[in-house]
Each structure stands twice: as structure tokens, then as C-alpha cells.
N, C-alpha and C. Protein backbone atom coordinates (compact mmCIF):
# COMPACT_ATOMS: atom_id res chain seq x y z
N MET A 1 -8.05 -9.63 9.31
CA MET A 1 -9.19 -10.42 8.86
C MET A 1 -8.67 -11.62 8.06
N ASN A 2 -8.91 -12.84 8.55
CA ASN A 2 -8.42 -14.01 7.85
C ASN A 2 -9.28 -14.32 6.63
N LYS A 3 -8.85 -15.33 5.86
CA LYS A 3 -9.55 -15.64 4.61
C LYS A 3 -11.02 -15.96 4.83
N LEU A 4 -11.32 -16.80 5.83
CA LEU A 4 -12.70 -17.21 6.05
C LEU A 4 -13.57 -16.01 6.42
N ARG A 5 -13.09 -15.17 7.32
CA ARG A 5 -13.86 -13.99 7.71
C ARG A 5 -14.09 -13.06 6.54
N LYS A 6 -13.06 -12.91 5.70
CA LYS A 6 -13.20 -12.04 4.54
C LYS A 6 -14.23 -12.59 3.57
N LEU A 7 -14.20 -13.89 3.34
CA LEU A 7 -15.18 -14.50 2.44
C LEU A 7 -16.59 -14.38 2.98
N LEU A 8 -16.75 -14.60 4.28
CA LEU A 8 -18.08 -14.48 4.89
C LEU A 8 -18.61 -13.06 4.79
N TRP A 9 -17.73 -12.08 5.01
CA TRP A 9 -18.16 -10.69 4.92
C TRP A 9 -18.62 -10.38 3.50
N LEU A 10 -17.86 -10.81 2.50
CA LEU A 10 -18.23 -10.55 1.12
C LEU A 10 -19.56 -11.22 0.77
N LEU A 11 -19.77 -12.43 1.27
CA LEU A 11 -21.02 -13.14 1.01
C LEU A 11 -22.20 -12.43 1.65
N GLN A 12 -22.05 -12.05 2.91
CA GLN A 12 -23.15 -11.40 3.64
C GLN A 12 -23.48 -10.03 3.06
N SER A 13 -22.49 -9.35 2.50
CA SER A 13 -22.73 -8.01 1.97
C SER A 13 -23.09 -8.01 0.49
N GLY A 14 -23.23 -9.20 -0.09
CA GLY A 14 -23.66 -9.29 -1.47
C GLY A 14 -22.59 -8.99 -2.50
N GLN A 15 -21.32 -9.04 -2.09
CA GLN A 15 -20.22 -8.75 -3.00
C GLN A 15 -19.84 -10.03 -3.76
N VAL A 16 -20.76 -10.51 -4.58
CA VAL A 16 -20.61 -11.82 -5.20
C VAL A 16 -19.45 -11.84 -6.20
N ALA A 17 -19.33 -10.80 -7.02
CA ALA A 17 -18.27 -10.78 -8.03
C ALA A 17 -16.89 -10.75 -7.38
N THR A 18 -16.74 -9.95 -6.32
CA THR A 18 -15.46 -9.88 -5.62
C THR A 18 -15.16 -11.20 -4.92
N LEU A 19 -16.19 -11.82 -4.36
CA LEU A 19 -16.03 -13.13 -3.72
C LEU A 19 -15.51 -14.15 -4.73
N ALA A 20 -16.10 -14.16 -5.93
CA ALA A 20 -15.67 -15.11 -6.96
C ALA A 20 -14.23 -14.85 -7.39
N THR A 21 -13.85 -13.58 -7.48
CA THR A 21 -12.48 -13.23 -7.86
C THR A 21 -11.48 -13.75 -6.83
N LEU A 22 -11.80 -13.55 -5.56
CA LEU A 22 -10.90 -14.01 -4.50
C LEU A 22 -10.79 -15.53 -4.49
N LEU A 23 -11.91 -16.21 -4.65
CA LEU A 23 -11.88 -17.67 -4.65
C LEU A 23 -11.02 -18.20 -5.79
N ARG A 24 -11.17 -17.60 -6.97
CA ARG A 24 -10.34 -18.03 -8.09
C ARG A 24 -8.87 -17.81 -7.80
N ARG A 25 -8.53 -16.67 -7.19
CA ARG A 25 -7.13 -16.38 -6.88
C ARG A 25 -6.58 -17.37 -5.87
N TRP A 26 -7.33 -17.62 -4.80
CA TRP A 26 -6.83 -18.48 -3.73
C TRP A 26 -6.81 -19.96 -4.10
N LEU A 27 -7.65 -20.33 -5.05
CA LEU A 27 -7.64 -21.73 -5.47
C LEU A 27 -6.46 -22.04 -6.38
N TYR A 28 -6.20 -21.17 -7.35
CA TYR A 28 -5.09 -21.46 -8.27
C TYR A 28 -4.71 -20.18 -9.01
N SER A 29 -3.57 -19.60 -8.67
CA SER A 29 -3.09 -18.43 -9.40
C SER A 29 -1.63 -18.16 -9.05
N ASP A 30 -0.98 -17.42 -9.92
CA ASP A 30 0.35 -16.87 -9.67
C ASP A 30 0.24 -15.36 -9.83
N VAL A 31 0.53 -14.64 -8.76
CA VAL A 31 0.39 -13.18 -8.74
C VAL A 31 1.80 -12.58 -8.64
N ARG A 32 2.13 -11.74 -9.61
CA ARG A 32 3.49 -11.19 -9.65
C ARG A 32 3.51 -9.75 -9.15
N GLY A 33 4.63 -9.37 -8.58
CA GLY A 33 4.87 -8.01 -8.15
C GLY A 33 6.33 -7.65 -8.38
N ILE A 34 6.60 -6.37 -8.40
CA ILE A 34 7.97 -5.89 -8.62
C ILE A 34 8.38 -5.03 -7.44
N GLY A 35 9.56 -5.32 -6.89
CA GLY A 35 10.15 -4.47 -5.87
C GLY A 35 11.05 -3.44 -6.53
N LEU A 36 10.89 -2.18 -6.12
CA LEU A 36 11.70 -1.10 -6.67
C LEU A 36 12.36 -0.34 -5.54
N GLN A 37 13.51 0.25 -5.82
CA GLN A 37 14.25 0.98 -4.80
C GLN A 37 14.83 2.26 -5.38
N ARG A 38 15.11 3.19 -4.48
CA ARG A 38 15.73 4.47 -4.87
C ARG A 38 16.55 5.00 -3.72
N GLY A 39 17.77 5.43 -4.03
CA GLY A 39 18.57 6.11 -3.03
C GLY A 39 18.01 7.49 -2.72
N LEU A 40 18.36 8.01 -1.55
CA LEU A 40 17.82 9.29 -1.09
C LEU A 40 18.86 10.40 -1.11
N GLU A 41 19.93 10.21 -1.88
CA GLU A 41 20.93 11.27 -1.98
C GLU A 41 20.32 12.55 -2.55
N LEU A 42 19.41 12.40 -3.51
CA LEU A 42 18.71 13.53 -4.10
C LEU A 42 17.23 13.43 -3.76
N PRO A 43 16.56 14.56 -3.54
CA PRO A 43 15.12 14.50 -3.21
C PRO A 43 14.29 14.10 -4.42
N ILE A 44 13.12 13.55 -4.16
CA ILE A 44 12.17 13.24 -5.21
C ILE A 44 11.42 14.52 -5.58
N GLU A 45 11.40 14.82 -6.87
CA GLU A 45 10.70 16.01 -7.35
C GLU A 45 9.25 15.67 -7.65
N ALA A 46 8.34 16.52 -7.23
CA ALA A 46 6.91 16.30 -7.49
C ALA A 46 6.21 17.64 -7.63
N ARG A 47 5.25 17.69 -8.55
CA ARG A 47 4.45 18.90 -8.70
C ARG A 47 3.57 19.11 -7.49
N ARG A 48 3.26 20.36 -7.25
CA ARG A 48 2.31 20.67 -6.18
C ARG A 48 0.93 20.16 -6.57
N PRO A 49 0.19 19.55 -5.65
CA PRO A 49 -1.18 19.12 -5.97
C PRO A 49 -2.10 20.32 -6.14
N ARG A 50 -3.30 20.04 -6.59
CA ARG A 50 -4.25 21.11 -6.88
C ARG A 50 -4.77 21.80 -5.62
N HIS A 51 -4.69 21.11 -4.49
CA HIS A 51 -5.14 21.68 -3.23
C HIS A 51 -3.99 21.59 -2.22
N ALA A 52 -3.95 22.54 -1.31
CA ALA A 52 -2.97 22.47 -0.23
C ALA A 52 -3.24 21.24 0.62
N LEU A 53 -2.16 20.56 1.04
CA LEU A 53 -2.28 19.32 1.79
C LEU A 53 -1.65 19.45 3.17
N THR A 54 -2.26 18.78 4.13
CA THR A 54 -1.64 18.52 5.42
C THR A 54 -1.30 17.04 5.46
N ILE A 55 -0.04 16.72 5.79
CA ILE A 55 0.41 15.33 5.82
C ILE A 55 0.92 15.05 7.23
N ARG A 56 0.37 14.01 7.86
CA ARG A 56 0.77 13.67 9.23
C ARG A 56 0.32 12.25 9.54
N PRO A 57 0.79 11.67 10.65
CA PRO A 57 0.28 10.35 11.05
C PRO A 57 -1.23 10.40 11.24
N ILE A 58 -1.89 9.34 10.83
CA ILE A 58 -3.35 9.31 10.85
C ILE A 58 -3.86 9.24 12.28
N SER A 59 -4.99 9.88 12.53
CA SER A 59 -5.66 9.81 13.82
C SER A 59 -6.75 8.74 13.78
N PRO A 60 -7.07 8.14 14.92
CA PRO A 60 -8.08 7.05 14.93
C PRO A 60 -9.40 7.44 14.28
N HIS A 61 -9.87 8.67 14.50
CA HIS A 61 -11.18 9.04 13.97
C HIS A 61 -11.16 9.23 12.45
N GLU A 62 -9.98 9.30 11.84
CA GLU A 62 -9.89 9.47 10.38
C GLU A 62 -9.87 8.14 9.63
N ARG A 63 -9.75 7.05 10.35
CA ARG A 63 -9.61 5.75 9.70
C ARG A 63 -10.88 5.31 8.97
N GLU A 64 -12.04 5.69 9.50
CA GLU A 64 -13.29 5.23 8.93
C GLU A 64 -13.44 5.65 7.47
N ALA A 65 -12.87 6.78 7.09
CA ALA A 65 -12.97 7.24 5.71
C ALA A 65 -12.38 6.23 4.73
N PHE A 66 -11.43 5.41 5.21
CA PHE A 66 -10.74 4.47 4.33
C PHE A 66 -11.18 3.02 4.56
N THR A 67 -12.08 2.79 5.49
CA THR A 67 -12.54 1.44 5.77
C THR A 67 -14.04 1.24 5.56
N ALA A 68 -14.81 2.33 5.51
CA ALA A 68 -16.26 2.21 5.36
C ALA A 68 -16.60 1.62 3.99
N THR A 69 -17.44 0.61 3.95
CA THR A 69 -17.76 -0.09 2.71
C THR A 69 -19.19 0.13 2.24
N LYS A 70 -19.96 0.93 2.96
CA LYS A 70 -21.35 1.16 2.57
C LYS A 70 -21.39 1.82 1.20
N GLY A 71 -22.12 1.18 0.28
CA GLY A 71 -22.26 1.72 -1.06
C GLY A 71 -21.07 1.49 -1.97
N VAL A 72 -20.07 0.76 -1.50
CA VAL A 72 -18.86 0.50 -2.30
C VAL A 72 -18.90 -0.94 -2.77
N GLN A 73 -18.58 -1.15 -4.03
CA GLN A 73 -18.63 -2.49 -4.61
C GLN A 73 -17.27 -2.90 -5.18
N GLY A 74 -17.13 -4.18 -5.46
CA GLY A 74 -15.99 -4.68 -6.21
C GLY A 74 -14.65 -4.45 -5.54
N ASP A 75 -13.67 -4.05 -6.36
CA ASP A 75 -12.32 -3.88 -5.87
C ASP A 75 -12.24 -2.82 -4.77
N GLY A 76 -13.10 -1.81 -4.84
CA GLY A 76 -13.10 -0.78 -3.81
C GLY A 76 -13.42 -1.34 -2.45
N ALA A 77 -14.40 -2.25 -2.39
CA ALA A 77 -14.76 -2.87 -1.11
C ALA A 77 -13.63 -3.75 -0.60
N LEU A 78 -13.02 -4.52 -1.49
CA LEU A 78 -11.92 -5.39 -1.09
C LEU A 78 -10.73 -4.57 -0.59
N LEU A 79 -10.45 -3.46 -1.25
CA LEU A 79 -9.36 -2.60 -0.81
C LEU A 79 -9.61 -2.08 0.60
N ARG A 80 -10.83 -1.69 0.89
CA ARG A 80 -11.14 -1.19 2.23
C ARG A 80 -11.05 -2.29 3.28
N LEU A 81 -11.39 -3.51 2.91
CA LEU A 81 -11.20 -4.63 3.83
C LEU A 81 -9.72 -4.82 4.15
N ASN A 82 -8.87 -4.67 3.13
CA ASN A 82 -7.43 -4.79 3.36
C ASN A 82 -6.91 -3.67 4.25
N VAL A 83 -7.44 -2.46 4.08
CA VAL A 83 -7.05 -1.35 4.95
C VAL A 83 -7.44 -1.67 6.40
N ARG A 84 -8.65 -2.18 6.58
CA ARG A 84 -9.12 -2.54 7.92
C ARG A 84 -8.18 -3.57 8.56
N GLN A 85 -7.77 -4.53 7.75
CA GLN A 85 -6.86 -5.57 8.23
C GLN A 85 -5.52 -4.97 8.62
N LEU A 86 -5.00 -4.04 7.82
CA LEU A 86 -3.73 -3.40 8.14
C LEU A 86 -3.82 -2.60 9.44
N PHE A 87 -4.89 -1.84 9.59
CA PHE A 87 -5.06 -1.08 10.83
C PHE A 87 -5.06 -2.01 12.04
N ALA A 88 -5.65 -3.19 11.90
CA ALA A 88 -5.76 -4.11 13.02
C ALA A 88 -4.41 -4.70 13.43
N THR A 89 -3.42 -4.69 12.54
CA THR A 89 -2.12 -5.27 12.88
C THR A 89 -1.32 -4.40 13.85
N GLY A 90 -1.68 -3.12 13.96
CA GLY A 90 -0.91 -2.23 14.82
C GLY A 90 0.32 -1.66 14.14
N LEU A 91 0.49 -1.91 12.84
CA LEU A 91 1.60 -1.31 12.10
C LEU A 91 1.49 0.20 12.19
N GLU A 92 2.56 0.82 12.66
CA GLU A 92 2.52 2.26 12.92
C GLU A 92 2.91 3.06 11.67
N THR A 93 2.93 4.36 11.84
CA THR A 93 3.33 5.32 10.80
C THR A 93 2.55 5.16 9.51
N CYS A 94 1.23 5.03 9.65
CA CYS A 94 0.36 5.26 8.51
C CYS A 94 0.10 6.76 8.45
N TYR A 95 0.44 7.34 7.32
CA TYR A 95 0.27 8.78 7.15
C TYR A 95 -1.00 9.07 6.36
N VAL A 96 -1.63 10.18 6.68
CA VAL A 96 -2.83 10.61 5.98
C VAL A 96 -2.55 11.98 5.36
N ALA A 97 -3.13 12.20 4.18
CA ALA A 97 -3.11 13.52 3.55
C ALA A 97 -4.52 14.09 3.62
N LEU A 98 -4.61 15.35 4.04
CA LEU A 98 -5.90 16.01 4.19
C LEU A 98 -5.91 17.29 3.38
N ILE A 99 -7.05 17.57 2.72
CA ILE A 99 -7.22 18.83 2.03
C ILE A 99 -7.99 19.78 2.94
N GLU A 100 -8.35 20.93 2.41
CA GLU A 100 -8.98 21.96 3.23
C GLU A 100 -10.14 21.40 4.05
N ASP A 101 -10.34 22.01 5.21
CA ASP A 101 -11.35 21.57 6.18
C ASP A 101 -11.05 20.19 6.73
N GLU A 102 -9.78 19.77 6.65
CA GLU A 102 -9.32 18.53 7.26
C GLU A 102 -10.06 17.31 6.70
N ILE A 103 -10.24 17.27 5.39
CA ILE A 103 -10.88 16.13 4.74
C ILE A 103 -9.81 15.11 4.38
N PRO A 104 -9.86 13.89 4.93
CA PRO A 104 -8.86 12.87 4.60
C PRO A 104 -9.09 12.32 3.19
N VAL A 105 -8.01 12.27 2.39
CA VAL A 105 -8.16 11.84 0.99
C VAL A 105 -7.20 10.73 0.60
N TYR A 106 -6.15 10.46 1.39
CA TYR A 106 -5.09 9.56 0.96
C TYR A 106 -4.37 9.01 2.18
N ILE A 107 -3.97 7.74 2.10
CA ILE A 107 -3.11 7.17 3.14
C ILE A 107 -1.95 6.43 2.50
N GLN A 108 -0.86 6.34 3.24
CA GLN A 108 0.29 5.54 2.84
C GLN A 108 1.14 5.25 4.07
N TYR A 109 1.71 4.05 4.07
CA TYR A 109 2.58 3.66 5.18
C TYR A 109 4.03 4.01 4.87
N LEU A 110 4.73 4.54 5.87
CA LEU A 110 6.18 4.71 5.87
C LEU A 110 6.70 3.86 7.02
N VAL A 111 7.46 2.82 6.69
CA VAL A 111 7.88 1.84 7.69
C VAL A 111 9.40 1.78 7.74
N LEU A 112 9.94 1.78 8.95
CA LEU A 112 11.38 1.68 9.18
C LEU A 112 11.71 0.33 9.83
N PRO A 113 12.99 -0.06 9.85
CA PRO A 113 13.34 -1.41 10.34
C PRO A 113 12.90 -1.72 11.76
N ASP A 114 12.68 -0.70 12.59
CA ASP A 114 12.26 -1.00 13.96
C ASP A 114 10.85 -1.58 14.03
N GLN A 115 10.16 -1.64 12.90
CA GLN A 115 8.83 -2.25 12.86
C GLN A 115 8.80 -3.55 12.06
N ASN A 116 9.95 -4.18 11.91
CA ASN A 116 9.99 -5.40 11.12
C ASN A 116 9.03 -6.48 11.62
N ASP A 117 8.83 -6.56 12.94
CA ASP A 117 7.90 -7.56 13.46
C ASP A 117 6.47 -7.27 13.01
N LYS A 118 6.11 -6.00 12.91
CA LYS A 118 4.78 -5.62 12.44
C LYS A 118 4.63 -5.82 10.93
N VAL A 119 5.74 -5.69 10.20
CA VAL A 119 5.71 -5.94 8.76
C VAL A 119 5.28 -7.38 8.50
N VAL A 120 5.83 -8.30 9.27
CA VAL A 120 5.47 -9.71 9.12
C VAL A 120 3.98 -9.91 9.40
N GLU A 121 3.49 -9.29 10.46
CA GLU A 121 2.08 -9.44 10.82
C GLU A 121 1.17 -8.83 9.76
N ALA A 122 1.61 -7.70 9.18
CA ALA A 122 0.77 -6.99 8.22
C ALA A 122 0.80 -7.61 6.82
N PHE A 123 1.97 -8.03 6.37
CA PHE A 123 2.13 -8.45 4.98
C PHE A 123 2.57 -9.90 4.83
N GLY A 124 2.78 -10.60 5.94
CA GLY A 124 3.26 -11.97 5.85
C GLY A 124 4.62 -12.04 5.19
N GLU A 125 4.78 -13.01 4.30
CA GLU A 125 6.05 -13.19 3.60
C GLU A 125 6.11 -12.36 2.32
N SER A 126 5.09 -11.57 2.03
CA SER A 126 5.04 -10.86 0.76
C SER A 126 5.98 -9.67 0.70
N ILE A 127 6.44 -9.19 1.85
CA ILE A 127 7.41 -8.10 1.88
C ILE A 127 8.57 -8.51 2.77
N PRO A 128 9.80 -8.52 2.23
CA PRO A 128 10.96 -8.94 3.03
C PRO A 128 11.24 -7.98 4.18
N GLN A 129 11.94 -8.48 5.17
CA GLN A 129 12.37 -7.65 6.29
C GLN A 129 13.25 -6.52 5.79
N LEU A 130 13.15 -5.38 6.44
CA LEU A 130 13.93 -4.20 6.06
C LEU A 130 15.32 -4.26 6.67
N ASP A 131 16.32 -3.90 5.89
CA ASP A 131 17.68 -3.76 6.40
C ASP A 131 17.85 -2.39 7.03
N GLN A 132 18.88 -2.25 7.83
CA GLN A 132 19.20 -0.94 8.39
C GLN A 132 19.48 0.04 7.25
N GLY A 133 18.94 1.23 7.38
CA GLY A 133 19.11 2.23 6.34
C GLY A 133 18.03 2.19 5.28
N GLU A 134 17.12 1.21 5.35
CA GLU A 134 16.01 1.12 4.40
C GLU A 134 14.73 1.66 5.01
N ALA A 135 13.85 2.13 4.15
CA ALA A 135 12.49 2.49 4.56
C ALA A 135 11.54 1.96 3.50
N LEU A 136 10.37 1.55 3.94
CA LEU A 136 9.35 0.99 3.06
C LEU A 136 8.22 2.00 2.88
N LEU A 137 7.89 2.30 1.63
CA LEU A 137 6.70 3.07 1.31
C LEU A 137 5.69 2.09 0.71
N GLU A 138 4.57 1.91 1.38
CA GLU A 138 3.67 0.82 0.99
C GLU A 138 2.22 1.22 1.19
N PHE A 139 1.36 0.63 0.39
CA PHE A 139 -0.10 0.74 0.48
C PHE A 139 -0.57 2.18 0.31
N ALA A 140 -0.31 2.72 -0.88
CA ALA A 140 -0.83 4.04 -1.23
C ALA A 140 -2.29 3.90 -1.67
N PHE A 141 -3.17 4.67 -1.06
CA PHE A 141 -4.60 4.56 -1.34
C PHE A 141 -5.22 5.95 -1.34
N THR A 142 -5.66 6.40 -2.52
CA THR A 142 -6.40 7.65 -2.65
C THR A 142 -7.88 7.32 -2.78
N LEU A 143 -8.71 7.96 -1.98
CA LEU A 143 -10.15 7.76 -2.12
C LEU A 143 -10.59 8.14 -3.53
N GLU A 144 -11.52 7.36 -4.08
CA GLU A 144 -11.85 7.44 -5.50
C GLU A 144 -12.22 8.85 -5.95
N GLN A 145 -12.96 9.58 -5.16
CA GLN A 145 -13.46 10.89 -5.59
C GLN A 145 -12.38 11.97 -5.60
N TYR A 146 -11.16 11.62 -5.12
CA TYR A 146 -10.09 12.62 -5.07
C TYR A 146 -8.88 12.25 -5.94
N ARG A 147 -9.07 11.30 -6.85
CA ARG A 147 -7.92 10.78 -7.60
C ARG A 147 -7.45 11.69 -8.72
N ALA A 148 -8.16 12.77 -9.00
CA ALA A 148 -7.72 13.71 -10.04
C ALA A 148 -6.97 14.91 -9.47
N LEU A 149 -6.65 14.87 -8.18
CA LEU A 149 -6.06 16.05 -7.54
C LEU A 149 -4.53 16.03 -7.50
N GLY A 150 -3.91 14.95 -7.97
CA GLY A 150 -2.45 14.89 -7.96
C GLY A 150 -1.87 14.75 -6.57
N VAL A 151 -2.56 14.03 -5.69
CA VAL A 151 -2.12 13.91 -4.30
C VAL A 151 -0.94 12.95 -4.15
N MET A 152 -1.04 11.78 -4.77
CA MET A 152 -0.07 10.70 -4.54
C MET A 152 1.38 11.11 -4.78
N PRO A 153 1.74 11.71 -5.94
CA PRO A 153 3.15 12.04 -6.16
C PRO A 153 3.72 12.98 -5.10
N HIS A 154 2.92 13.95 -4.68
CA HIS A 154 3.41 14.90 -3.67
C HIS A 154 3.63 14.22 -2.33
N VAL A 155 2.68 13.40 -1.90
CA VAL A 155 2.84 12.72 -0.61
C VAL A 155 3.99 11.73 -0.67
N PHE A 156 4.11 11.02 -1.77
CA PHE A 156 5.20 10.07 -1.95
C PHE A 156 6.54 10.77 -1.75
N ALA A 157 6.70 11.93 -2.37
CA ALA A 157 7.94 12.69 -2.24
C ALA A 157 8.16 13.17 -0.81
N GLU A 158 7.11 13.63 -0.16
CA GLU A 158 7.24 14.13 1.21
C GLU A 158 7.58 13.01 2.18
N LEU A 159 7.02 11.83 1.98
CA LEU A 159 7.33 10.72 2.88
C LEU A 159 8.75 10.21 2.65
N ALA A 160 9.23 10.28 1.42
CA ALA A 160 10.64 9.94 1.17
C ALA A 160 11.56 10.92 1.90
N LYS A 161 11.19 12.18 1.91
CA LYS A 161 11.96 13.18 2.65
C LYS A 161 11.93 12.89 4.16
N GLU A 162 10.78 12.49 4.65
CA GLU A 162 10.66 12.12 6.07
C GLU A 162 11.53 10.91 6.39
N ALA A 163 11.54 9.93 5.48
CA ALA A 163 12.37 8.74 5.69
C ALA A 163 13.85 9.13 5.81
N LYS A 164 14.30 10.02 4.96
CA LYS A 164 15.70 10.46 5.03
C LYS A 164 16.00 11.16 6.34
N SER A 165 15.06 11.97 6.81
CA SER A 165 15.27 12.69 8.07
C SER A 165 15.35 11.74 9.26
N ARG A 166 14.80 10.53 9.09
CA ARG A 166 14.83 9.53 10.16
C ARG A 166 15.92 8.48 9.96
N GLY A 167 16.87 8.79 9.09
CA GLY A 167 18.06 7.97 8.97
C GLY A 167 18.12 7.02 7.80
N ALA A 168 17.08 6.98 6.96
CA ALA A 168 17.10 6.06 5.82
C ALA A 168 17.95 6.64 4.70
N CYS A 169 18.66 5.77 4.02
CA CYS A 169 19.41 6.18 2.83
C CYS A 169 18.82 5.60 1.56
N ARG A 170 17.77 4.77 1.70
CA ARG A 170 17.15 4.14 0.54
C ARG A 170 15.69 3.84 0.89
N VAL A 171 14.81 4.02 -0.10
CA VAL A 171 13.41 3.64 0.08
C VAL A 171 13.07 2.53 -0.90
N VAL A 172 12.21 1.62 -0.47
CA VAL A 172 11.75 0.53 -1.33
C VAL A 172 10.23 0.54 -1.35
N THR A 173 9.68 0.01 -2.43
CA THR A 173 8.24 -0.12 -2.56
C THR A 173 7.93 -1.31 -3.46
N TRP A 174 6.71 -1.82 -3.36
CA TRP A 174 6.31 -2.99 -4.14
C TRP A 174 5.07 -2.65 -4.95
N VAL A 175 5.08 -3.05 -6.21
CA VAL A 175 3.97 -2.76 -7.12
C VAL A 175 3.47 -4.07 -7.70
N GLY A 176 2.18 -4.33 -7.50
CA GLY A 176 1.59 -5.51 -8.10
C GLY A 176 1.39 -5.33 -9.60
N GLN A 177 1.47 -6.41 -10.33
CA GLN A 177 1.27 -6.35 -11.78
C GLN A 177 -0.11 -6.89 -12.15
N PRO A 178 -0.72 -6.33 -13.21
CA PRO A 178 -0.20 -5.26 -14.06
C PRO A 178 -0.55 -3.88 -13.49
N ASN A 179 0.39 -2.98 -13.46
CA ASN A 179 0.16 -1.60 -13.03
C ASN A 179 1.17 -0.71 -13.76
N PRO A 180 1.03 -0.61 -15.09
CA PRO A 180 2.02 0.15 -15.86
C PRO A 180 2.10 1.62 -15.51
N THR A 181 0.97 2.21 -15.10
CA THR A 181 0.98 3.63 -14.77
C THR A 181 1.90 3.90 -13.57
N MET A 182 1.76 3.09 -12.52
CA MET A 182 2.60 3.28 -11.34
C MET A 182 4.06 2.98 -11.65
N LEU A 183 4.32 1.96 -12.46
CA LEU A 183 5.69 1.62 -12.80
C LEU A 183 6.34 2.75 -13.61
N ARG A 184 5.60 3.35 -14.53
CA ARG A 184 6.15 4.47 -15.31
C ARG A 184 6.46 5.65 -14.40
N TYR A 185 5.54 5.94 -13.47
CA TYR A 185 5.78 7.06 -12.55
C TYR A 185 7.02 6.82 -11.71
N LEU A 186 7.15 5.64 -11.13
CA LEU A 186 8.31 5.35 -10.29
C LEU A 186 9.61 5.40 -11.10
N GLY A 187 9.56 4.94 -12.34
CA GLY A 187 10.75 5.02 -13.19
C GLY A 187 11.15 6.46 -13.44
N ARG A 188 10.17 7.34 -13.65
CA ARG A 188 10.48 8.75 -13.91
C ARG A 188 11.16 9.42 -12.73
N ILE A 189 10.84 8.98 -11.52
CA ILE A 189 11.43 9.65 -10.35
C ILE A 189 12.62 8.90 -9.79
N GLY A 190 13.16 7.95 -10.56
CA GLY A 190 14.43 7.36 -10.20
C GLY A 190 14.41 6.00 -9.54
N PHE A 191 13.25 5.37 -9.43
CA PHE A 191 13.19 4.03 -8.85
C PHE A 191 13.63 3.00 -9.89
N VAL A 192 14.35 1.99 -9.44
CA VAL A 192 14.78 0.90 -10.32
C VAL A 192 14.37 -0.43 -9.70
N PRO A 193 14.00 -1.41 -10.53
CA PRO A 193 13.63 -2.72 -10.00
C PRO A 193 14.81 -3.43 -9.35
N PHE A 194 14.53 -4.15 -8.27
CA PHE A 194 15.57 -4.97 -7.64
C PHE A 194 15.11 -6.40 -7.40
N ALA A 195 13.80 -6.67 -7.51
CA ALA A 195 13.32 -8.04 -7.27
C ALA A 195 11.98 -8.26 -7.94
N ILE A 196 11.73 -9.50 -8.30
CA ILE A 196 10.43 -9.95 -8.78
C ILE A 196 9.85 -10.88 -7.71
N ARG A 197 8.61 -10.64 -7.35
CA ARG A 197 7.92 -11.47 -6.35
C ARG A 197 6.81 -12.27 -7.04
N THR A 198 6.77 -13.56 -6.75
CA THR A 198 5.67 -14.39 -7.24
C THR A 198 4.95 -15.00 -6.04
N GLU A 199 3.68 -14.65 -5.90
CA GLU A 199 2.83 -15.23 -4.86
C GLU A 199 1.99 -16.33 -5.51
N ARG A 200 2.26 -17.54 -5.13
CA ARG A 200 1.59 -18.70 -5.72
C ARG A 200 0.51 -19.21 -4.78
N TYR A 201 -0.72 -19.30 -5.30
CA TYR A 201 -1.85 -19.81 -4.54
C TYR A 201 -2.27 -21.16 -5.13
N ARG A 202 -2.33 -22.17 -4.25
CA ARG A 202 -2.79 -23.48 -4.66
C ARG A 202 -3.71 -24.03 -3.56
N LEU A 203 -5.00 -24.14 -3.87
CA LEU A 203 -5.97 -24.67 -2.91
C LEU A 203 -5.88 -23.95 -1.56
N PHE A 204 -5.90 -22.63 -1.62
CA PHE A 204 -5.91 -21.74 -0.45
C PHE A 204 -4.55 -21.68 0.27
N ARG A 205 -3.56 -22.35 -0.24
CA ARG A 205 -2.23 -22.28 0.36
C ARG A 205 -1.37 -21.32 -0.45
N LYS A 206 -0.68 -20.41 0.23
CA LYS A 206 0.11 -19.39 -0.43
C LYS A 206 1.60 -19.60 -0.15
N THR A 207 2.40 -19.54 -1.20
CA THR A 207 3.86 -19.52 -1.07
C THR A 207 4.39 -18.31 -1.83
N VAL A 208 5.52 -17.81 -1.38
CA VAL A 208 6.09 -16.59 -1.97
C VAL A 208 7.54 -16.88 -2.38
N ARG A 209 7.86 -16.46 -3.59
CA ARG A 209 9.22 -16.62 -4.10
C ARG A 209 9.75 -15.27 -4.60
N PHE A 210 11.02 -14.96 -4.29
CA PHE A 210 11.65 -13.73 -4.75
C PHE A 210 12.82 -14.08 -5.67
N GLU A 211 12.94 -13.29 -6.74
CA GLU A 211 14.09 -13.40 -7.64
C GLU A 211 14.74 -12.04 -7.75
N ARG A 212 16.04 -11.99 -7.56
CA ARG A 212 16.75 -10.72 -7.69
C ARG A 212 16.82 -10.31 -9.16
N VAL A 213 16.71 -9.02 -9.40
CA VAL A 213 16.83 -8.47 -10.76
C VAL A 213 18.28 -8.04 -10.99
């Protein structure tokens, strides 16, 4: 979904506050993010979530749970628009976590270098191409009503294990700022910063700059 289509959708659906936020960002802003990495010599430790989980590649019929915007306002609606856009790129290996009765509650992408062309289509210049031996863990999204179940840390650890089984020796992820909770969690499990990303918006034009840490 390009900028114009996204703006039109927000206008037609009455998402005025979110529309104003996007316009302000695209007209003039600097948005920072941090790239973090971790070797896979040792597994990531995570507590068991409150409910048993099934983790697997997402099926087409499960996508609607993460894209439906009826009754959703603000950042939640914008997040679902971004999910819809990601699904449309054809980027593979989006994993879903399901609790009992096959209820989808969480998604996250695990991407390997053989999908570098799709990474460009999905994220533009905001995420660098993956080197051999790297895996990308990106776009973790827990549905709002399930965020107290401790799903994310467990799935994060399981997908890192899957990345290692598929030949990766290092995983990378990107965190937008400010997000101190996520940064603290990643620090606790051994991730260290390796780059600072600045996305500069000027009159709807976006440029991206990376600085090594």
C-alpha cells in the first residue's frame, strides 16, 4: 500500500488522528532505530508462556486476524495496514503463534538471505541486505488482547532456534525508538547494538542513513 492509498484509507475510515500523525512524519521528521545482533552459539532462554503455543508458518486464512481494522483506531489500525502491506509483498516465512483451539495471537518474520529481494520490496532501504549466515527477526506483533500471555519472548527464542537449524550463525533485529522495554529485553538475552538507523522524511521524500556502533 503506497503513501497515497494509505492516506486515502485513513481518511475514508475516519482515522483522522492517525492521518495527521503520518502527515507530520512524512512532511518533516527524523525517525531513529537501532539494529541489534546476537550470535547463535548459545540458545536464547525464555520462560514458558501462560498457554501452550503452536508455532508454524502462517496460513492464508489466519492473516485476517492481523489485518482486520474494524473497530480498531489509532496506532492499532496503522499497524494492521502495515501488516497488510507486508503480506502483499510476498515475503515468506511469516510465522504465527496459536493458542488452544488454534487461535492466532502473534506473528513474526524470520528471513534468510535467499529472500533479500523480498526484503527490499517489504522494507525498502530501512533494512540492509542480509549476509550469508545471518537471519532477520522482524515485525513482531501480538494482538492487543493477548499481550499479557508472555508469547513474544518464547516465540522469539524458538525462531532463533529455527534460524540456527537453517544455517544461520547470527540473528539481527531492528527496534524503532523510543522502545525501552524491547531494548531492555533484547539486552537481557544477549543482543548488542551494531548500527543506528536514521530515516529522514522531508516533504514526503524519505532517505535512510546507517551509522555503525
